[in-house]
PDB file of N, CA and C in Angstrom:
ATOM      1  N   MET A   1     -44.730   1.663  -5.804  1.00  0.00           N
ATOM      2  CA  MET A   1     -43.502   1.026  -5.343  1.00  0.00           C
ATOM      3  C   MET A   1     -43.856  -0.042  -4.304  1.00  0.00           C
ATOM      4  N   ASN A   2     -43.132  -1.110  -4.353  1.00  0.00           N
ATOM      5  CA  ASN A   2     -43.403  -2.160  -3.380  1.00  0.00           C
ATOM      6  C   ASN A   2     -42.363  -2.113  -2.251  1.00  0.00           C
ATOM      7  N   ALA A   3     -42.577  -2.909  -1.249  1.00  0.00           N
ATOM      8  CA  ALA A   3     -41.722  -2.900  -0.058  1.00  0.00           C
ATOM      9  C   ALA A   3     -40.308  -3.393  -0.372  1.00  0.00           C
ATOM     10  N   LEU A   4     -40.176  -4.285  -1.336  1.00  0.00           N
ATOM     11  CA  LEU A   4     -38.849  -4.798  -1.684  1.00  0.00           C
ATOM     12  C   LEU A   4     -37.944  -3.665  -2.176  1.00  0.00           C
ATOM     13  N   TRP A   5     -38.488  -2.763  -2.983  1.00  0.00           N
ATOM     14  CA  TRP A   5     -37.695  -1.637  -3.480  1.00  0.00           C
ATOM     15  C   TRP A   5     -37.202  -0.767  -2.320  1.00  0.00           C
ATOM     16  N   GLY A   6     -38.025  -0.529  -1.340  1.00  0.00           N
ATOM     17  CA  GLY A   6     -37.638   0.259  -0.174  1.00  0.00           C
ATOM     18  C   GLY A   6     -36.531  -0.412   0.616  1.00  0.00           C
ATOM     19  N   HIS A   7     -36.601  -1.714   0.779  1.00  0.00           N
ATOM     20  CA  HIS A   7     -35.548  -2.446   1.495  1.00  0.00           C
ATOM     21  C   HIS A   7     -34.234  -2.422   0.712  1.00  0.00           C
ATOM     22  N   LEU A   8     -34.302  -2.591  -0.607  1.00  0.00           N
ATOM     23  CA  LEU A   8     -33.092  -2.574  -1.427  1.00  0.00           C
ATOM     24  C   LEU A   8     -32.405  -1.207  -1.391  1.00  0.00           C
ATOM     25  N   THR A   9     -33.182  -0.153  -1.476  1.00  0.00           N
ATOM     26  CA  THR A   9     -32.568   1.177  -1.410  1.00  0.00           C
ATOM     27  C   THR A   9     -31.990   1.434  -0.026  1.00  0.00           C
ATOM     28  N   GLY A  10     -32.637   0.942   1.019  1.00  0.00           N
ATOM     29  CA  GLY A  10     -32.105   1.095   2.370  1.00  0.00           C
ATOM     30  C   GLY A  10     -30.779   0.377   2.535  1.00  0.00           C
ATOM     31  N   VAL A  11     -30.694  -0.842   2.021  1.00  0.00           N
ATOM     32  CA  VAL A  11     -29.444  -1.606   2.093  1.00  0.00           C
ATOM     33  C   VAL A  11     -28.359  -0.916   1.283  1.00  0.00           C
ATOM     34  N   LEU A  12     -28.695  -0.398   0.124  1.00  0.00           N
ATOM     35  CA  LEU A  12     -27.726   0.294  -0.716  1.00  0.00           C
ATOM     36  C   LEU A  12     -27.190   1.548  -0.007  1.00  0.00           C
ATOM     37  N   ILE A  13     -28.053   2.295   0.635  1.00  0.00           N
ATOM     38  CA  ILE A  13     -27.616   3.492   1.350  1.00  0.00           C
ATOM     39  C   ILE A  13     -26.696   3.119   2.502  1.00  0.00           C
ATOM     40  N   VAL A  14     -27.015   2.072   3.229  1.00  0.00           N
ATOM     41  CA  VAL A  14     -26.157   1.632   4.338  1.00  0.00           C
ATOM     42  C   VAL A  14     -24.798   1.186   3.811  1.00  0.00           C
ATOM     43  N   LEU A  15     -24.763   0.461   2.696  1.00  0.00           N
ATOM     44  CA  LEU A  15     -23.485   0.035   2.115  1.00  0.00           C
ATOM     45  C   LEU A  15     -22.664   1.226   1.643  1.00  0.00           C
ATOM     46  N   MET A  16     -23.296   2.195   1.019  1.00  0.00           N
ATOM     47  CA  MET A  16     -22.565   3.379   0.567  1.00  0.00           C
ATOM     48  C   MET A  16     -22.032   4.175   1.755  1.00  0.00           C
ATOM     49  N   MET A  17     -22.815   4.295   2.821  1.00  0.00           N
ATOM     50  CA  MET A  17     -22.358   5.012   4.002  1.00  0.00           C
ATOM     51  C   MET A  17     -21.196   4.282   4.672  1.00  0.00           C
ATOM     52  N   ALA A  18     -21.275   2.959   4.738  1.00  0.00           N
ATOM     53  CA  ALA A  18     -20.184   2.184   5.317  1.00  0.00           C
ATOM     54  C   ALA A  18     -18.918   2.310   4.475  1.00  0.00           C
ATOM     55  N   SER A  19     -19.062   2.334   3.154  1.00  0.00           N
ATOM     56  CA  SER A  19     -17.902   2.529   2.281  1.00  0.00           C
ATOM     57  C   SER A  19     -17.284   3.901   2.505  1.00  0.00           C
ATOM     58  N   PHE A  20     -18.113   4.923   2.617  1.00  0.00           N
ATOM     59  CA  PHE A  20     -17.618   6.269   2.846  1.00  0.00           C
ATOM     60  C   PHE A  20     -16.861   6.355   4.170  1.00  0.00           C
ATOM     61  N   VAL A  21     -17.420   5.815   5.218  1.00  0.00           N
ATOM     62  CA  VAL A  21     -16.766   5.847   6.527  1.00  0.00           C
ATOM     63  C   VAL A  21     -15.478   5.025   6.496  1.00  0.00           C
ATOM     64  N   GLY A  22     -15.483   3.888   5.822  1.00  0.00           N
ATOM     65  CA  GLY A  22     -14.283   3.062   5.710  1.00  0.00           C
ATOM     66  C   GLY A  22     -13.163   3.776   4.980  1.00  0.00           C
ATOM     67  N   ILE A  23     -13.480   4.443   3.881  1.00  0.00           N
ATOM     68  CA  ILE A  23     -12.464   5.197   3.140  1.00  0.00           C
ATOM     69  C   ILE A  23     -11.961   6.361   3.992  1.00  0.00           C
ATOM     70  N   TRP A  24     -12.863   7.029   4.699  1.00  0.00           N
ATOM     71  CA  TRP A  24     -12.485   8.148   5.558  1.00  0.00           C
ATOM     72  C   TRP A  24     -11.518   7.690   6.656  1.00  0.00           C
ATOM     73  N   ILE A  25     -11.798   6.556   7.263  1.00  0.00           N
ATOM     74  CA  ILE A  25     -10.907   6.020   8.303  1.00  0.00           C
ATOM     75  C   ILE A  25      -9.565   5.637   7.695  1.00  0.00           C
ATOM     76  N   TRP A  26      -9.563   5.028   6.515  1.00  0.00           N
ATOM     77  CA  TRP A  26      -8.317   4.630   5.865  1.00  0.00           C
ATOM     78  C   TRP A  26      -7.443   5.848   5.556  1.00  0.00           C
ATOM     79  N   VAL A  27      -8.075   6.921   5.063  1.00  0.00           N
ATOM     80  CA  VAL A  27      -7.319   8.121   4.700  1.00  0.00           C
ATOM     81  C   VAL A  27      -6.728   8.780   5.944  1.00  0.00           C
ATOM     82  N   TRP A  28      -7.483   8.846   7.022  1.00  0.00           N
ATOM     83  CA  TRP A  28      -7.020   9.525   8.226  1.00  0.00           C
ATOM     84  C   TRP A  28      -6.172   8.628   9.114  1.00  0.00           C
ATOM     85  N   ASN A  29      -5.831   7.444   8.663  1.00  0.00           N
ATOM     86  CA  ASN A  29      -4.964   6.546   9.412  1.00  0.00           C
ATOM     87  C   ASN A  29      -3.570   7.171   9.511  1.00  0.00           C
ATOM     88  N   GLY A  30      -2.925   7.064  10.641  1.00  0.00           N
ATOM     89  CA  GLY A  30      -1.648   7.716  10.883  1.00  0.00           C
ATOM     90  C   GLY A  30      -0.517   7.242   9.994  1.00  0.00           C
ATOM     91  N   ARG A  31      -0.557   6.023   9.523  1.00  0.00           N
ATOM     92  CA  ARG A  31       0.561   5.523   8.724  1.00  0.00           C
ATOM     93  C   ARG A  31       0.613   6.125   7.324  1.00  0.00           C
ATOM     94  N   HIS A  32      -0.447   6.795   6.886  1.00  0.00           N
ATOM     95  CA  HIS A  32      -0.471   7.433   5.577  1.00  0.00           C
ATOM     96  C   HIS A  32      -0.052   8.895   5.642  1.00  0.00           C
ATOM     97  N   LYS A  33       0.188   9.427   6.826  1.00  0.00           N
ATOM     98  CA  LYS A  33       0.470  10.845   6.993  1.00  0.00           C
ATOM     99  C   LYS A  33       1.704  11.294   6.216  1.00  0.00           C
ATOM    100  N   SER A  34       2.782  10.544   6.276  1.00  0.00           N
ATOM    101  CA  SER A  34       3.999  10.964   5.582  1.00  0.00           C
ATOM    102  C   SER A  34       3.797  10.995   4.066  1.00  0.00           C
ATOM    103  N   LYS A  35       3.070  10.036   3.546  1.00  0.00           N
ATOM    104  CA  LYS A  35       2.816   9.997   2.104  1.00  0.00           C
ATOM    105  C   LYS A  35       1.959  11.179   1.669  1.00  0.00           C
ATOM    106  N   PHE A  36       0.901  11.484   2.418  1.00  0.00           N
ATOM    107  CA  PHE A  36       0.033  12.593   2.072  1.00  0.00           C
ATOM    108  C   PHE A  36       0.736  13.935   2.263  1.00  0.00           C
ATOM    109  N   ASP A  37       1.607  14.041   3.259  1.00  0.00           N
ATOM    110  CA  ASP A  37       2.371  15.272   3.441  1.00  0.00           C
ATOM    111  C   ASP A  37       3.305  15.497   2.253  1.00  0.00           C
ATOM    112  N   ALA A  38       3.939  14.437   1.780  1.00  0.00           N
ATOM    113  CA  ALA A  38       4.821  14.563   0.612  1.00  0.00           C
ATOM    114  C   ALA A  38       4.023  14.963  -0.633  1.00  0.00           C
ATOM    115  N   LEU A  39       2.853  14.394  -0.797  1.00  0.00           N
ATOM    116  CA  LEU A  39       2.015  14.751  -1.943  1.00  0.00           C
ATOM    117  C   LEU A  39       1.512  16.187  -1.837  1.00  0.00           C
ATOM    118  N   ALA A  40       1.264  16.668  -0.625  1.00  0.00           N
ATOM    119  CA  ALA A  40       0.793  18.034  -0.445  1.00  0.00           C
ATOM    120  C   ALA A  40       1.892  19.048  -0.754  1.00  0.00           C
ATOM    121  N   ARG A  41       3.147  18.685  -0.506  1.00  0.00           N
ATOM    122  CA  ARG A  41       4.264  19.589  -0.786  1.00  0.00           C
ATOM    123  C   ARG A  41       4.679  19.568  -2.253  1.00  0.00           C
ATOM    124  N   LEU A  42       4.221  18.625  -3.018  1.00  0.00           N
ATOM    125  CA  LEU A  42       4.645  18.452  -4.402  1.00  0.00           C
ATOM    126  C   LEU A  42       4.456  19.709  -5.268  1.00  0.00           C
ATOM    127  N   PRO A  43       3.328  20.415  -5.207  1.00  0.00           N
ATOM    128  CA  PRO A  43       3.193  21.607  -6.049  1.00  0.00           C
ATOM    129  C   PRO A  43       4.146  22.738  -5.677  1.00  0.00           C
ATOM    130  N   MET A  44       4.675  22.746  -4.462  1.00  0.00           N
ATOM    131  CA  MET A  44       5.545  23.825  -4.029  1.00  0.00           C
ATOM    132  C   MET A  44       7.020  23.588  -4.342  1.00  0.00           C
ATOM    133  N   GLU A  45       7.364  22.438  -4.846  1.00  0.00           N
ATOM    134  CA  GLU A  45       8.762  22.138  -5.132  1.00  0.00           C
ATOM    135  C   GLU A  45       9.210  22.913  -6.377  1.00  0.00           C
ATOM    136  N   ASP A  46      10.420  23.475  -6.300  1.00  0.00           N
ATOM    137  CA  ASP A  46      10.933  24.298  -7.384  1.00  0.00           C
ATOM    138  C   ASP A  46      12.011  23.608  -8.196  1.00  0.00           C
ATOM    139  N   GLU A  47      12.072  22.319  -8.152  1.00  0.00           N
ATOM    140  CA  GLU A  47      13.083  21.603  -8.914  1.00  0.00           C
ATOM    141  C   GLU A  47      12.747  21.685 -10.401  1.00  0.00           C
ATOM    142  N   PRO A  48      13.741  21.933 -11.241  1.00  0.00           N
ATOM    143  CA  PRO A  48      13.459  22.006 -12.683  1.00  0.00           C
ATOM    144  C   PRO A  48      13.106  20.621 -13.246  1.00  0.00           C
ATOM    145  N   ILE A  49      12.322  20.647 -14.286  1.00  0.00           N
ATOM    146  CA  ILE A  49      11.958  19.402 -14.966  1.00  0.00           C
ATOM    147  C   ILE A  49      13.139  18.960 -15.808  1.00  0.00           C
ATOM    148  N   GLU A  50      13.491  17.690 -15.702  1.00  0.00           N
ATOM    149  CA  GLU A  50      14.606  17.177 -16.501  1.00  0.00           C
ATOM    150  C   GLU A  50      14.207  17.184 -17.969  1.00  0.00           C
ATOM    151  N   SER A  51      15.122  17.621 -18.805  1.00  0.00           N
ATOM    152  CA  SER A  51      14.824  17.668 -20.227  1.00  0.00           C
ATOM    153  C   SER A  51      14.933  16.270 -20.823  1.00  0.00           C
ATOM    154  N   GLU A  52      14.018  15.988 -21.730  1.00  0.00           N
ATOM    155  CA  GLU A  52      13.972  14.682 -22.372  1.00  0.00           C
ATOM    156  C   GLU A  52      14.458  14.824 -23.809  1.00  0.00           C
ATOM    157  N   PRO A  53      15.306  13.929 -24.264  1.00  0.00           N
ATOM    158  CA  PRO A  53      15.765  14.033 -25.655  1.00  0.00           C
ATOM    159  C   PRO A  53      14.640  13.702 -26.633  1.00  0.00           C
ATOM    160  N   ARG A  54      14.622  14.438 -27.725  1.00  0.00           N
ATOM    161  CA  ARG A  54      13.648  14.174 -28.778  1.00  0.00           C
ATOM    162  C   ARG A  54      14.278  13.294 -29.842  1.00  0.00           C
ATOM    163  N   LYS A  55      13.489  12.934 -30.811  1.00  0.00           N
ATOM    164  CA  LYS A  55      13.995  12.085 -31.886  1.00  0.00           C
ATOM    165  C   LYS A  55      15.035  12.800 -32.736  1.00  0.00           C
ATOM    166  N   ASN A  56      14.906  14.106 -32.898  1.00  0.00           N
ATOM    167  CA  ASN A  56      15.825  14.841 -33.749  1.00  0.00           C
ATOM    168  C   ASN A  56      17.081  15.282 -33.000  1.00  0.00           C
ATOM    169  N   GLY A  57      17.246  14.891 -31.758  1.00  0.00           N
ATOM    170  CA  GLY A  57      18.451  15.186 -31.009  1.00  0.00           C
ATOM    171  C   GLY A  57      18.358  16.404 -30.128  1.00  0.00           C
ATOM    172  N   ARG A  58      17.329  17.218 -30.302  1.00  0.00           N
ATOM    173  CA  ARG A  58      17.165  18.392 -29.469  1.00  0.00           C
ATOM    174  C   ARG A  58      16.493  17.988 -28.154  1.00  0.00           C
ATOM    175  N   THR A  59      16.686  18.821 -27.154  1.00  0.00           N
ATOM    176  CA  THR A  59      16.052  18.536 -25.862  1.00  0.00           C
ATOM    177  C   THR A  59      14.759  19.319 -25.753  1.00  0.00           C
ATOM    178  N   ARG A  60      13.802  18.720 -25.089  1.00  0.00           N
ATOM    179  CA  ARG A  60      12.513  19.356 -24.877  1.00  0.00           C
ATOM    180  C   ARG A  60      12.508  19.970 -23.490  1.00  0.00           C
ATOM    181  N   ARG A  61      12.000  21.176 -23.376  1.00  0.00           N
ATOM    182  CA  ARG A  61      11.935  21.850 -22.080  1.00  0.00           C
ATOM    183  C   ARG A  61      10.525  22.105 -21.683  1.00  0.00           C
TER     184      ARG A  61
END
């Protein structure tokens, strides 16, 4: 392996780490809290699924 390969992998690792930290900061930003809280409550909602009409006129449940 030559030195260029080592430098390229080092730069790639730094870019991937910066991307990871950037996404982590974006997710933990306070303005997204309400959206993520709503998404977290979604599986616990007990609202029935609205029935959709089929081609033959019957409703699907």
